[in-house]
Amino acid sequence: MVIRKIASHAVFQAEKHGKSNLVRGEHLFAGLNTFEPGQVQSVHAHAGQDKLYYIVEGEAIVDVGGEESQAGPTDLILAPSGVPHGIRNPGPSRLVVMVVFGPPPLAKG
């Protein structure tokens, strides 16, 4: 399977950061998180689940384990299982981030 031009799958929302699924396998998930300027994904953690953030477009401030870093296009951030992490868009442009989880998040039903 090849998913081309992943940024074209981005969905933005005015009220909170957007999410769109790209691919879900038995052991891995990839999707997009999208942020208008000023939007935030609050610091949180996943037990038993590693997470990667890959910055596709825009600039981000990422918090992993209480340490903040600036990240931009083509940067990759690891949030290991159980480590608190979050991301925000300081602006002025939109932010598109590919997220990869292993194992996949539970399906909502």
PDB file of N, CA and C in Angstrom:
ATOM      1  N   MET A   1       0.838  -1.172   0.000  1.00  0.00           N
ATOM      2  CA  MET A   1       0.000   0.000   0.000  1.00  0.00           C
ATOM      3  C   MET A   1       0.886   1.239   0.000  1.00  0.00           C
ATOM      4  N   VAL A   2       0.571   2.180  -0.847  1.00  0.00           N
ATOM      5  CA  VAL A   2       1.261   3.458  -0.899  1.00  0.00           C
ATOM      6  C   VAL A   2       0.223   4.558  -0.714  1.00  0.00           C
ATOM      7  N   ILE A   3       0.458   5.425   0.229  1.00  0.00           N
ATOM      8  CA  ILE A   3      -0.413   6.584   0.426  1.00  0.00           C
ATOM      9  C   ILE A   3       0.399   7.792  -0.006  1.00  0.00           C
ATOM     10  N   ARG A   4      -0.029   8.420  -1.065  1.00  0.00           N
ATOM     11  CA  ARG A   4       0.717   9.531  -1.639  1.00  0.00           C
ATOM     12  C   ARG A   4       0.243  10.864  -1.074  1.00  0.00           C
ATOM     13  N   LYS A   5       1.174  11.790  -1.002  1.00  0.00           N
ATOM     14  CA  LYS A   5       0.873  13.166  -0.596  1.00  0.00           C
ATOM     15  C   LYS A   5       0.024  13.191   0.670  1.00  0.00           C
ATOM     16  N   ILE A   6       0.586  12.673   1.750  1.00  0.00           N
ATOM     17  CA  ILE A   6      -0.207  12.508   2.971  1.00  0.00           C
ATOM     18  C   ILE A   6      -0.802  13.809   3.481  1.00  0.00           C
ATOM     19  N   ALA A   7      -0.140  14.933   3.234  1.00  0.00           N
ATOM     20  CA  ALA A   7      -0.688  16.213   3.708  1.00  0.00           C
ATOM     21  C   ALA A   7      -2.033  16.522   3.072  1.00  0.00           C
ATOM     22  N   SER A   8      -2.305  15.949   1.899  1.00  0.00           N
ATOM     23  CA  SER A   8      -3.598  16.190   1.246  1.00  0.00           C
ATOM     24  C   SER A   8      -4.752  15.522   1.997  1.00  0.00           C
ATOM     25  N   HIS A   9      -4.450  14.655   2.960  1.00  0.00           N
ATOM     26  CA  HIS A   9      -5.467  13.987   3.775  1.00  0.00           C
ATOM     27  C   HIS A   9      -5.762  14.746   5.069  1.00  0.00           C
ATOM     28  N   ALA A  10      -5.112  15.892   5.245  1.00  0.00           N
ATOM     29  CA  ALA A  10      -5.273  16.686   6.471  1.00  0.00           C
ATOM     30  C   ALA A  10      -6.678  17.266   6.572  1.00  0.00           C
ATOM     31  N   VAL A  11      -7.237  17.210   7.782  1.00  0.00           N
ATOM     32  CA  VAL A  11      -8.551  17.781   8.085  1.00  0.00           C
ATOM     33  C   VAL A  11      -8.358  18.747   9.246  1.00  0.00           C
ATOM     34  N   PHE A  12      -8.687  20.008   9.028  1.00  0.00           N
ATOM     35  CA  PHE A  12      -8.543  21.026  10.070  1.00  0.00           C
ATOM     36  C   PHE A  12      -9.899  21.344  10.671  1.00  0.00           C
ATOM     37  N   GLN A  13      -9.899  21.670  11.968  1.00  0.00           N
ATOM     38  CA  GLN A  13     -11.112  22.051  12.676  1.00  0.00           C
ATOM     39  C   GLN A  13     -10.834  23.336  13.445  1.00  0.00           C
ATOM     40  N   ALA A  14     -11.816  24.216  13.479  1.00  0.00           N
ATOM     41  CA  ALA A  14     -11.632  25.498  14.168  1.00  0.00           C
ATOM     42  C   ALA A  14     -11.639  25.338  15.680  1.00  0.00           C
ATOM     43  N   GLU A  15     -12.452  24.406  16.203  1.00  0.00           N
ATOM     44  CA  GLU A  15     -12.649  24.310  17.647  1.00  0.00           C
ATOM     45  C   GLU A  15     -11.582  23.507  18.382  1.00  0.00           C
ATOM     46  N   LYS A  16     -10.920  22.542  17.715  1.00  0.00           N
ATOM     47  CA  LYS A  16      -9.860  21.759  18.345  1.00  0.00           C
ATOM     48  C   LYS A  16      -9.012  21.127  17.257  1.00  0.00           C
ATOM     49  N   HIS A  17      -7.870  20.574  17.642  1.00  0.00           N
ATOM     50  CA  HIS A  17      -6.993  19.992  16.618  1.00  0.00           C
ATOM     51  C   HIS A  17      -7.714  18.845  15.911  1.00  0.00           C
ATOM     52  N   GLY A  18      -7.422  18.692  14.617  1.00  0.00           N
ATOM     53  CA  GLY A  18      -8.086  17.677  13.803  1.00  0.00           C
ATOM     54  C   GLY A  18      -7.305  16.374  13.770  1.00  0.00           C
ATOM     55  N   LYS A  19      -8.012  15.318  13.398  1.00  0.00           N
ATOM     56  CA  LYS A  19      -7.394  14.000  13.263  1.00  0.00           C
ATOM     57  C   LYS A  19      -7.950  13.318  12.021  1.00  0.00           C
ATOM     58  N   SER A  20      -7.097  12.580  11.317  1.00  0.00           N
ATOM     59  CA  SER A  20      -7.542  11.746  10.207  1.00  0.00           C
ATOM     60  C   SER A  20      -6.673  10.492  10.169  1.00  0.00           C
ATOM     61  N   ASN A  21      -7.295   9.367   9.907  1.00  0.00           N
ATOM     62  CA  ASN A  21      -6.588   8.089   9.836  1.00  0.00           C
ATOM     63  C   ASN A  21      -5.990   7.906   8.449  1.00  0.00           C
ATOM     64  N   LEU A  22      -4.770   7.395   8.416  1.00  0.00           N
ATOM     65  CA  LEU A  22      -4.136   7.045   7.149  1.00  0.00           C
ATOM     66  C   LEU A  22      -4.158   5.539   6.929  1.00  0.00           C
ATOM     67  N   VAL A  23      -3.702   4.777   7.924  1.00  0.00           N
ATOM     68  CA  VAL A  23      -3.640   3.322   7.787  1.00  0.00           C
ATOM     69  C   VAL A  23      -3.647   2.692   9.178  1.00  0.00           C
ATOM     70  N   ARG A  24      -4.326   1.560   9.274  1.00  0.00           N
ATOM     71  CA  ARG A  24      -4.377   0.808  10.530  1.00  0.00           C
ATOM     72  C   ARG A  24      -4.065  -0.648  10.212  1.00  0.00           C
ATOM     73  N   GLY A  25      -3.016  -1.151  10.861  1.00  0.00           N
ATOM     74  CA  GLY A  25      -2.679  -2.562  10.748  1.00  0.00           C
ATOM     75  C   GLY A  25      -2.907  -3.235  12.089  1.00  0.00           C
ATOM     76  N   GLU A  26      -2.588  -4.489  12.163  1.00  0.00           N
ATOM     77  CA  GLU A  26      -2.760  -5.220  13.413  1.00  0.00           C
ATOM     78  C   GLU A  26      -1.788  -4.729  14.494  1.00  0.00           C
ATOM     79  N   HIS A  27      -0.593  -4.273  14.062  1.00  0.00           N
ATOM     80  CA  HIS A  27       0.449  -3.895  15.017  1.00  0.00           C
ATOM     81  C   HIS A  27       0.880  -2.438  14.934  1.00  0.00           C
ATOM     82  N   LEU A  28       0.329  -1.678  13.981  1.00  0.00           N
ATOM     83  CA  LEU A  28       0.777  -0.311  13.763  1.00  0.00           C
ATOM     84  C   LEU A  28      -0.365   0.545  13.225  1.00  0.00           C
ATOM     85  N   PHE A  29      -0.344   1.833  13.586  1.00  0.00           N
ATOM     86  CA  PHE A  29      -1.343   2.796  13.126  1.00  0.00           C
ATOM     87  C   PHE A  29      -0.622   4.063  12.690  1.00  0.00           C
ATOM     88  N   ALA A  30      -1.086   4.696  11.630  1.00  0.00           N
ATOM     89  CA  ALA A  30      -0.578   6.007  11.227  1.00  0.00           C
ATOM     90  C   ALA A  30      -1.755   6.907  10.883  1.00  0.00           C
ATOM     91  N   GLY A  31      -1.661   8.142  11.315  1.00  0.00           N
ATOM     92  CA  GLY A  31      -2.698   9.123  11.025  1.00  0.00           C
ATOM     93  C   GLY A  31      -2.100  10.511  11.018  1.00  0.00           C
ATOM     94  N   LEU A  32      -2.955  11.501  10.810  1.00  0.00           N
ATOM     95  CA  LEU A  32      -2.522  12.889  10.830  1.00  0.00           C
ATOM     96  C   LEU A  32      -3.207  13.618  11.972  1.00  0.00           C
ATOM     97  N   ASN A  33      -2.446  14.437  12.682  1.00  0.00           N
ATOM     98  CA  ASN A  33      -2.993  15.405  13.615  1.00  0.00           C
ATOM     99  C   ASN A  33      -2.731  16.768  12.995  1.00  0.00           C
ATOM    100  N   THR A  34      -3.744  17.624  13.015  1.00  0.00           N
ATOM    101  CA  THR A  34      -3.635  18.928  12.378  1.00  0.00           C
ATOM    102  C   THR A  34      -3.981  20.019  13.371  1.00  0.00           C
ATOM    103  N   PHE A  35      -3.262  21.121  13.279  1.00  0.00           N
ATOM    104  CA  PHE A  35      -3.401  22.196  14.249  1.00  0.00           C
ATOM    105  C   PHE A  35      -3.445  23.548  13.540  1.00  0.00           C
ATOM    106  N   GLU A  36      -4.477  24.311  13.823  1.00  0.00           N
ATOM    107  CA  GLU A  36      -4.483  25.716  13.430  1.00  0.00           C
ATOM    108  C   GLU A  36      -3.529  26.441  14.379  1.00  0.00           C
ATOM    109  N   PRO A  37      -3.058  27.641  14.019  1.00  0.00           N
ATOM    110  CA  PRO A  37      -2.196  28.381  14.942  1.00  0.00           C
ATOM    111  C   PRO A  37      -2.837  28.519  16.321  1.00  0.00           C
ATOM    112  N   GLY A  38      -2.050  28.217  17.349  1.00  0.00           N
ATOM    113  CA  GLY A  38      -2.520  28.312  18.732  1.00  0.00           C
ATOM    114  C   GLY A  38      -3.158  27.048  19.283  1.00  0.00           C
ATOM    115  N   GLN A  39      -3.500  26.087  18.441  1.00  0.00           N
ATOM    116  CA  GLN A  39      -4.119  24.857  18.946  1.00  0.00           C
ATOM    117  C   GLN A  39      -3.083  23.956  19.617  1.00  0.00           C
ATOM    118  N   VAL A  40      -3.580  23.169  20.580  1.00  0.00           N
ATOM    119  CA  VAL A  40      -2.716  22.364  21.444  1.00  0.00           C
ATOM    120  C   VAL A  40      -3.283  20.953  21.589  1.00  0.00           C
ATOM    121  N   GLN A  41      -2.396  19.982  21.649  1.00  0.00           N
ATOM    122  CA  GLN A  41      -2.755  18.652  22.133  1.00  0.00           C
ATOM    123  C   GLN A  41      -2.164  18.587  23.535  1.00  0.00           C
ATOM    124  N   SER A  42      -3.025  18.530  24.536  1.00  0.00           N
ATOM    125  CA  SER A  42      -2.579  18.560  25.926  1.00  0.00           C
ATOM    126  C   SER A  42      -1.631  17.406  26.229  1.00  0.00           C
ATOM    127  N   VAL A  43      -0.776  17.621  27.205  1.00  0.00           N
ATOM    128  CA  VAL A  43       0.167  16.592  27.628  1.00  0.00           C
ATOM    129  C   VAL A  43      -0.620  15.397  28.164  1.00  0.00           C
ATOM    130  N   HIS A  44      -0.262  14.218  27.702  1.00  0.00           N
ATOM    131  CA  HIS A  44      -0.927  12.967  28.062  1.00  0.00           C
ATOM    132  C   HIS A  44       0.077  11.832  27.887  1.00  0.00           C
ATOM    133  N   ALA A  45      -0.282  10.627  28.255  1.00  0.00           N
ATOM    134  CA  ALA A  45       0.610   9.471  28.109  1.00  0.00           C
ATOM    135  C   ALA A  45      -0.197   8.261  27.657  1.00  0.00           C
ATOM    136  N   HIS A  46       0.501   7.312  27.046  1.00  0.00           N
ATOM    137  CA  HIS A  46      -0.100   6.056  26.596  1.00  0.00           C
ATOM    138  C   HIS A  46       0.664   4.904  27.241  1.00  0.00           C
ATOM    139  N   ALA A  47      -0.009   4.117  28.049  1.00  0.00           N
ATOM    140  CA  ALA A  47       0.621   2.943  28.645  1.00  0.00           C
ATOM    141  C   ALA A  47       0.692   1.834  27.599  1.00  0.00           C
ATOM    142  N   GLY A  48       1.851   1.230  27.452  1.00  0.00           N
ATOM    143  CA  GLY A  48       1.998   0.099  26.539  1.00  0.00           C
ATOM    144  C   GLY A  48       1.945   0.468  25.071  1.00  0.00           C
ATOM    145  N   GLN A  49       2.217   1.728  24.755  1.00  0.00           N
ATOM    146  CA  GLN A  49       2.094   2.185  23.363  1.00  0.00           C
ATOM    147  C   GLN A  49       3.145   3.258  23.086  1.00  0.00           C
ATOM    148  N   ASP A  50       4.047   3.002  22.149  1.00  0.00           N
ATOM    149  CA  ASP A  50       5.007   4.006  21.720  1.00  0.00           C
ATOM    150  C   ASP A  50       4.365   4.881  20.643  1.00  0.00           C
ATOM    151  N   LYS A  51       4.808   6.140  20.573  1.00  0.00           N
ATOM    152  CA  LYS A  51       4.232   7.080  19.602  1.00  0.00           C
ATOM    153  C   LYS A  51       5.349   7.875  18.951  1.00  0.00           C
ATOM    154  N   LEU A  52       5.235   8.032  17.640  1.00  0.00           N
ATOM    155  CA  LEU A  52       6.128   8.903  16.886  1.00  0.00           C
ATOM    156  C   LEU A  52       5.331  10.069  16.339  1.00  0.00           C
ATOM    157  N   TYR A  53       5.916  11.267  16.390  1.00  0.00           N
ATOM    158  CA  TYR A  53       5.397  12.435  15.697  1.00  0.00           C
ATOM    159  C   TYR A  53       6.383  12.744  14.566  1.00  0.00           C
ATOM    160  N   TYR A  54       5.879  12.895  13.346  1.00  0.00           N
ATOM    161  CA  TYR A  54       6.704  13.308  12.211  1.00  0.00           C
ATOM    162  C   TYR A  54       6.104  14.603  11.682  1.00  0.00           C
ATOM    163  N   ILE A  55       6.869  15.687  11.731  1.00  0.00           N
ATOM    164  CA  ILE A  55       6.355  16.979  11.299  1.00  0.00           C
ATOM    165  C   ILE A  55       6.362  17.021   9.768  1.00  0.00           C
ATOM    166  N   VAL A  56       5.166  17.134   9.192  1.00  0.00           N
ATOM    167  CA  VAL A  56       5.003  17.170   7.735  1.00  0.00           C
ATOM    168  C   VAL A  56       5.078  18.609   7.240  1.00  0.00           C
ATOM    169  N   GLU A  57       4.320  19.501   7.871  1.00  0.00           N
ATOM    170  CA  GLU A  57       4.290  20.915   7.497  1.00  0.00           C
ATOM    171  C   GLU A  57       4.134  21.759   8.749  1.00  0.00           C
ATOM    172  N   GLY A  58       4.778  22.925   8.772  1.00  0.00           N
ATOM    173  CA  GLY A  58       4.618  23.860   9.869  1.00  0.00           C
ATOM    174  C   GLY A  58       5.677  23.690  10.945  1.00  0.00           C
ATOM    175  N   GLU A  59       5.498  24.450  12.015  1.00  0.00           N
ATOM    176  CA  GLU A  59       6.419  24.435  13.146  1.00  0.00           C
ATOM    177  C   GLU A  59       5.648  24.032  14.397  1.00  0.00           C
ATOM    178  N   ALA A  60       6.308  23.322  15.302  1.00  0.00           N
ATOM    179  CA  ALA A  60       5.659  22.816  16.510  1.00  0.00           C
ATOM    180  C   ALA A  60       6.550  23.036  17.723  1.00  0.00           C
ATOM    181  N   ILE A  61       5.904  23.103  18.866  1.00  0.00           N
ATOM    182  CA  ILE A  61       6.594  22.992  20.146  1.00  0.00           C
ATOM    183  C   ILE A  61       6.117  21.662  20.723  1.00  0.00           C
ATOM    184  N   VAL A  62       7.046  20.738  20.960  1.00  0.00           N
ATOM    185  CA  VAL A  62       6.694  19.429  21.497  1.00  0.00           C
ATOM    186  C   VAL A  62       7.223  19.309  22.923  1.00  0.00           C
ATOM    187  N   ASP A  63       6.436  18.654  23.757  1.00  0.00           N
ATOM    188  CA  ASP A  63       6.815  18.393  25.141  1.00  0.00           C
ATOM    189  C   ASP A  63       6.865  16.880  25.305  1.00  0.00           C
ATOM    190  N   VAL A  64       8.019  16.361  25.605  1.00  0.00           N
ATOM    191  CA  VAL A  64       8.183  14.926  25.873  1.00  0.00           C
ATOM    192  C   VAL A  64       8.895  14.794  27.215  1.00  0.00           C
ATOM    193  N   GLY A  65       8.185  14.229  28.169  1.00  0.00           N
ATOM    194  CA  GLY A  65       8.762  14.040  29.490  1.00  0.00           C
ATOM    195  C   GLY A  65       9.093  15.337  30.200  1.00  0.00           C
ATOM    196  N   GLY A  66       8.334  16.404  29.913  1.00  0.00           N
ATOM    197  CA  GLY A  66       8.560  17.689  30.563  1.00  0.00           C
ATOM    198  C   GLY A  66       9.619  18.551  29.898  1.00  0.00           C
ATOM    199  N   GLU A  67      10.214  18.070  28.814  1.00  0.00           N
ATOM    200  CA  GLU A  67      11.228  18.837  28.084  1.00  0.00           C
ATOM    201  C   GLU A  67      10.636  19.347  26.782  1.00  0.00           C
ATOM    202  N   GLU A  68      10.604  20.678  26.604  1.00  0.00           N
ATOM    203  CA  GLU A  68      10.060  21.273  25.390  1.00  0.00           C
ATOM    204  C   GLU A  68      11.148  21.477  24.349  1.00  0.00           C
ATOM    205  N   SER A  69      10.790  21.217  23.084  1.00  0.00           N
ATOM    206  CA  SER A  69      11.696  21.419  21.956  1.00  0.00           C
ATOM    207  C   SER A  69      10.906  21.973  20.791  1.00  0.00           C
ATOM    208  N   GLN A  70      11.575  22.748  19.958  1.00  0.00           N
ATOM    209  CA  GLN A  70      10.965  23.212  18.718  1.00  0.00           C
ATOM    210  C   GLN A  70      11.246  22.171  17.646  1.00  0.00           C
ATOM    211  N   ALA A  71      10.260  21.934  16.773  1.00  0.00           N
ATOM    212  CA  ALA A  71      10.417  20.956  15.708  1.00  0.00           C
ATOM    213  C   ALA A  71       9.773  21.494  14.435  1.00  0.00           C
ATOM    214  N   GLY A  72      10.342  21.131  13.292  1.00  0.00           N
ATOM    215  CA  GLY A  72       9.826  21.577  12.004  1.00  0.00           C
ATOM    216  C   GLY A  72       9.805  20.449  10.992  1.00  0.00           C
ATOM    217  N   PRO A  73       9.487  20.781   9.744  1.00  0.00           N
ATOM    218  CA  PRO A  73       9.348  19.762   8.705  1.00  0.00           C
ATOM    219  C   PRO A  73      10.525  18.796   8.643  1.00  0.00           C
ATOM    220  N   THR A  74      10.189  17.533   8.566  1.00  0.00           N
ATOM    221  CA  THR A  74      11.066  16.358   8.498  1.00  0.00           C
ATOM    222  C   THR A  74      11.664  15.974   9.844  1.00  0.00           C
ATOM    223  N   ASP A  75      11.289  16.660  10.931  1.00  0.00           N
ATOM    224  CA  ASP A  75      11.755  16.258  12.258  1.00  0.00           C
ATOM    225  C   ASP A  75      10.883  15.120  12.796  1.00  0.00           C
ATOM    226  N   LEU A  76      11.511  14.223  13.548  1.00  0.00           N
ATOM    227  CA  LEU A  76      10.849  13.058  14.121  1.00  0.00           C
ATOM    228  C   LEU A  76      11.026  13.092  15.632  1.00  0.00           C
ATOM    229  N   ILE A  77       9.912  12.871  16.350  1.00  0.00           N
ATOM    230  CA  ILE A  77       9.921  12.927  17.810  1.00  0.00           C
ATOM    231  C   ILE A  77       9.393  11.599  18.344  1.00  0.00           C
ATOM    232  N   LEU A  78      10.077  11.015  19.310  1.00  0.00           N
ATOM    233  CA  LEU A  78       9.644   9.772  19.949  1.00  0.00           C
ATOM    234  C   LEU A  78       9.068  10.070  21.320  1.00  0.00           C
ATOM    235  N   ALA A  79       7.869   9.563  21.582  1.00  0.00           N
ATOM    236  CA  ALA A  79       7.258   9.587  22.910  1.00  0.00           C
ATOM    237  C   ALA A  79       7.106   8.125  23.342  1.00  0.00           C
ATOM    238  N   PRO A  80       8.048   7.607  24.128  1.00  0.00           N
ATOM    239  CA  PRO A  80       7.973   6.204  24.544  1.00  0.00           C
ATOM    240  C   PRO A  80       6.752   5.927  25.425  1.00  0.00           C
ATOM    241  N   SER A  81       6.381   4.696  25.495  1.00  0.00           N
ATOM    242  CA  SER A  81       5.267   4.245  26.324  1.00  0.00           C
ATOM    243  C   SER A  81       5.380   4.803  27.736  1.00  0.00           C
ATOM    244  N   GLY A  82       4.283   5.378  28.219  1.00  0.00           N
ATOM    245  CA  GLY A  82       4.214   5.876  29.582  1.00  0.00           C
ATOM    246  C   GLY A  82       4.805   7.253  29.817  1.00  0.00           C
ATOM    247  N   VAL A  83       5.486   7.831  28.830  1.00  0.00           N
ATOM    248  CA  VAL A  83       6.108   9.152  28.994  1.00  0.00           C
ATOM    249  C   VAL A  83       5.112  10.236  28.561  1.00  0.00           C
ATOM    250  N   PRO A  84       4.827  11.199  29.437  1.00  0.00           N
ATOM    251  CA  PRO A  84       3.896  12.275  29.077  1.00  0.00           C
ATOM    252  C   PRO A  84       4.425  13.075  27.884  1.00  0.00           C
ATOM    253  N   HIS A  85       3.505  13.427  26.972  1.00  0.00           N
ATOM    254  CA  HIS A  85       3.879  14.159  25.770  1.00  0.00           C
ATOM    255  C   HIS A  85       2.702  15.000  25.276  1.00  0.00           C
ATOM    256  N   GLY A  86       3.007  16.040  24.539  1.00  0.00           N
ATOM    257  CA  GLY A  86       1.998  16.906  23.952  1.00  0.00           C
ATOM    258  C   GLY A  86       2.646  17.756  22.879  1.00  0.00           C
ATOM    259  N   ILE A  87       1.809  18.473  22.136  1.00  0.00           N
ATOM    260  CA  ILE A  87       2.316  19.273  21.017  1.00  0.00           C
ATOM    261  C   ILE A  87       1.435  20.498  20.852  1.00  0.00           C
ATOM    262  N   ARG A  88       2.049  21.590  20.410  1.00  0.00           N
ATOM    263  CA  ARG A  88       1.260  22.795  20.139  1.00  0.00           C
ATOM    264  C   ARG A  88       1.807  23.513  18.917  1.00  0.00           C
ATOM    265  N   ASN A  89       0.923  24.259  18.299  1.00  0.00           N
ATOM    266  CA  ASN A  89       1.288  25.048  17.131  1.00  0.00           C
ATOM    267  C   ASN A  89       1.438  26.500  17.563  1.00  0.00           C
ATOM    268  N   PRO A  90       2.672  27.021  17.603  1.00  0.00           N
ATOM    269  CA  PRO A  90       2.862  28.398  18.017  1.00  0.00           C
ATOM    270  C   PRO A  90       2.480  29.406  16.926  1.00  0.00           C
ATOM    271  N   GLY A  91       2.188  28.912  15.702  1.00  0.00           N
ATOM    272  CA  GLY A  91       1.824  29.783  14.594  1.00  0.00           C
ATOM    273  C   GLY A  91       3.069  30.330  13.916  1.00  0.00           C
ATOM    274  N   PRO A  92       2.903  31.117  12.888  1.00  0.00           N
ATOM    275  CA  PRO A  92       1.639  31.635  12.377  1.00  0.00           C
ATOM    276  C   PRO A  92       0.962  30.722  11.353  1.00  0.00           C
ATOM    277  N   SER A  93       1.628  29.635  10.930  1.00  0.00           N
ATOM    278  CA  SER A  93       1.088  28.752   9.894  1.00  0.00           C
ATOM    279  C   SER A  93       0.379  27.545  10.492  1.00  0.00           C
ATOM    280  N   ARG A  94      -0.353  26.829   9.664  1.00  0.00           N
ATOM    281  CA  ARG A  94      -0.949  25.559  10.078  1.00  0.00           C
ATOM    282  C   ARG A  94       0.147  24.527  10.317  1.00  0.00           C
ATOM    283  N   LEU A  95      -0.191  23.502  11.107  1.00  0.00           N
ATOM    284  CA  LEU A  95       0.737  22.429  11.448  1.00  0.00           C
ATOM    285  C   LEU A  95       0.104  21.094  11.079  1.00  0.00           C
ATOM    286  N   VAL A  96       0.848  20.271  10.323  1.00  0.00           N
ATOM    287  CA  VAL A  96       0.409  18.921   9.965  1.00  0.00           C
ATOM    288  C   VAL A  96       1.450  17.945  10.495  1.00  0.00           C
ATOM    289  N   VAL A  97       0.989  17.002  11.321  1.00  0.00           N
ATOM    290  CA  VAL A  97       1.880  16.048  11.982  1.00  0.00           C
ATOM    291  C   VAL A  97       1.380  14.634  11.715  1.00  0.00           C
ATOM    292  N   MET A  98       2.261  13.772  11.197  1.00  0.00           N
ATOM    293  CA  MET A  98       1.906  12.367  11.092  1.00  0.00           C
ATOM    294  C   MET A  98       2.215  11.725  12.442  1.00  0.00           C
ATOM    295  N   VAL A  99       1.262  10.958  12.962  1.00  0.00           N
ATOM    296  CA  VAL A  99       1.456  10.219  14.206  1.00  0.00           C
ATOM    297  C   VAL A  99       1.462   8.733  13.866  1.00  0.00           C
ATOM    298  N   VAL A 100       2.367   8.009  14.505  1.00  0.00           N
ATOM    299  CA  VAL A 100       2.473   6.568  14.312  1.00  0.00           C
ATOM    300  C   VAL A 100       2.466   5.939  15.685  1.00  0.00           C
ATOM    301  N   PHE A 101       1.571   4.975  15.905  1.00  0.00           N
ATOM    302  CA  PHE A 101       1.440   4.269  17.175  1.00  0.00           C
ATOM    303  C   PHE A 101       1.749   2.794  16.997  1.00  0.00           C
ATOM    304  N   GLY A 102       2.370   2.209  17.974  1.00  0.00           N
ATOM    305  CA  GLY A 102       2.527   0.778  18.021  1.00  0.00           C
ATOM    306  C   GLY A 102       2.377   0.321  19.467  1.00  0.00           C
ATOM    307  N   PRO A 103       1.433  -0.527  19.769  1.00  0.00           N
ATOM    308  CA  PRO A 103       0.344  -1.031  18.918  1.00  0.00           C
ATOM    309  C   PRO A 103      -0.701   0.054  18.646  1.00  0.00           C
ATOM    310  N   PRO A 104      -1.610  -0.187  17.694  1.00  0.00           N
ATOM    311  CA  PRO A 104      -2.623   0.805  17.341  1.00  0.00           C
ATOM    312  C   PRO A 104      -3.508   1.170  18.537  1.00  0.00           C
ATOM    313  N   PRO A 105      -4.045   2.406  18.522  1.00  0.00           N
ATOM    314  CA  PRO A 105      -5.025   2.760  19.566  1.00  0.00           C
ATOM    315  C   PRO A 105      -6.271   1.899  19.423  1.00  0.00           C
ATOM    316  N   LEU A 106      -6.978   1.722  20.507  1.00  0.00           N
ATOM    317  CA  LEU A 106      -8.212   0.941  20.444  1.00  0.00           C
ATOM    318  C   LEU A 106      -9.222   1.648  19.552  1.00  0.00           C
ATOM    319  N   ALA A 107      -9.926   0.884  18.752  1.00  0.00           N
ATOM    320  CA  ALA A 107     -10.965   1.450  17.881  1.00  0.00           C
ATOM    321  C   ALA A 107     -12.137   1.903  18.752  1.00  0.00           C
ATOM    322  N   LYS A 108     -12.661   3.075  18.427  1.00  0.00           N
ATOM    323  CA  LYS A 108     -13.835   3.590  19.162  1.00  0.00           C
ATOM    324  C   LYS A 108     -15.076   3.056  18.498  1.00  0.00           C
ATOM    325  N   GLY A 109     -16.005   2.595  19.306  1.00  0.00           N
ATOM    326  CA  GLY A 109     -17.192   1.999  18.720  1.00  0.00           C
ATOM    327  C   GLY A 109     -18.461   2.475  19.303  1.00  0.00           C
TER     328      GLY A 109
END
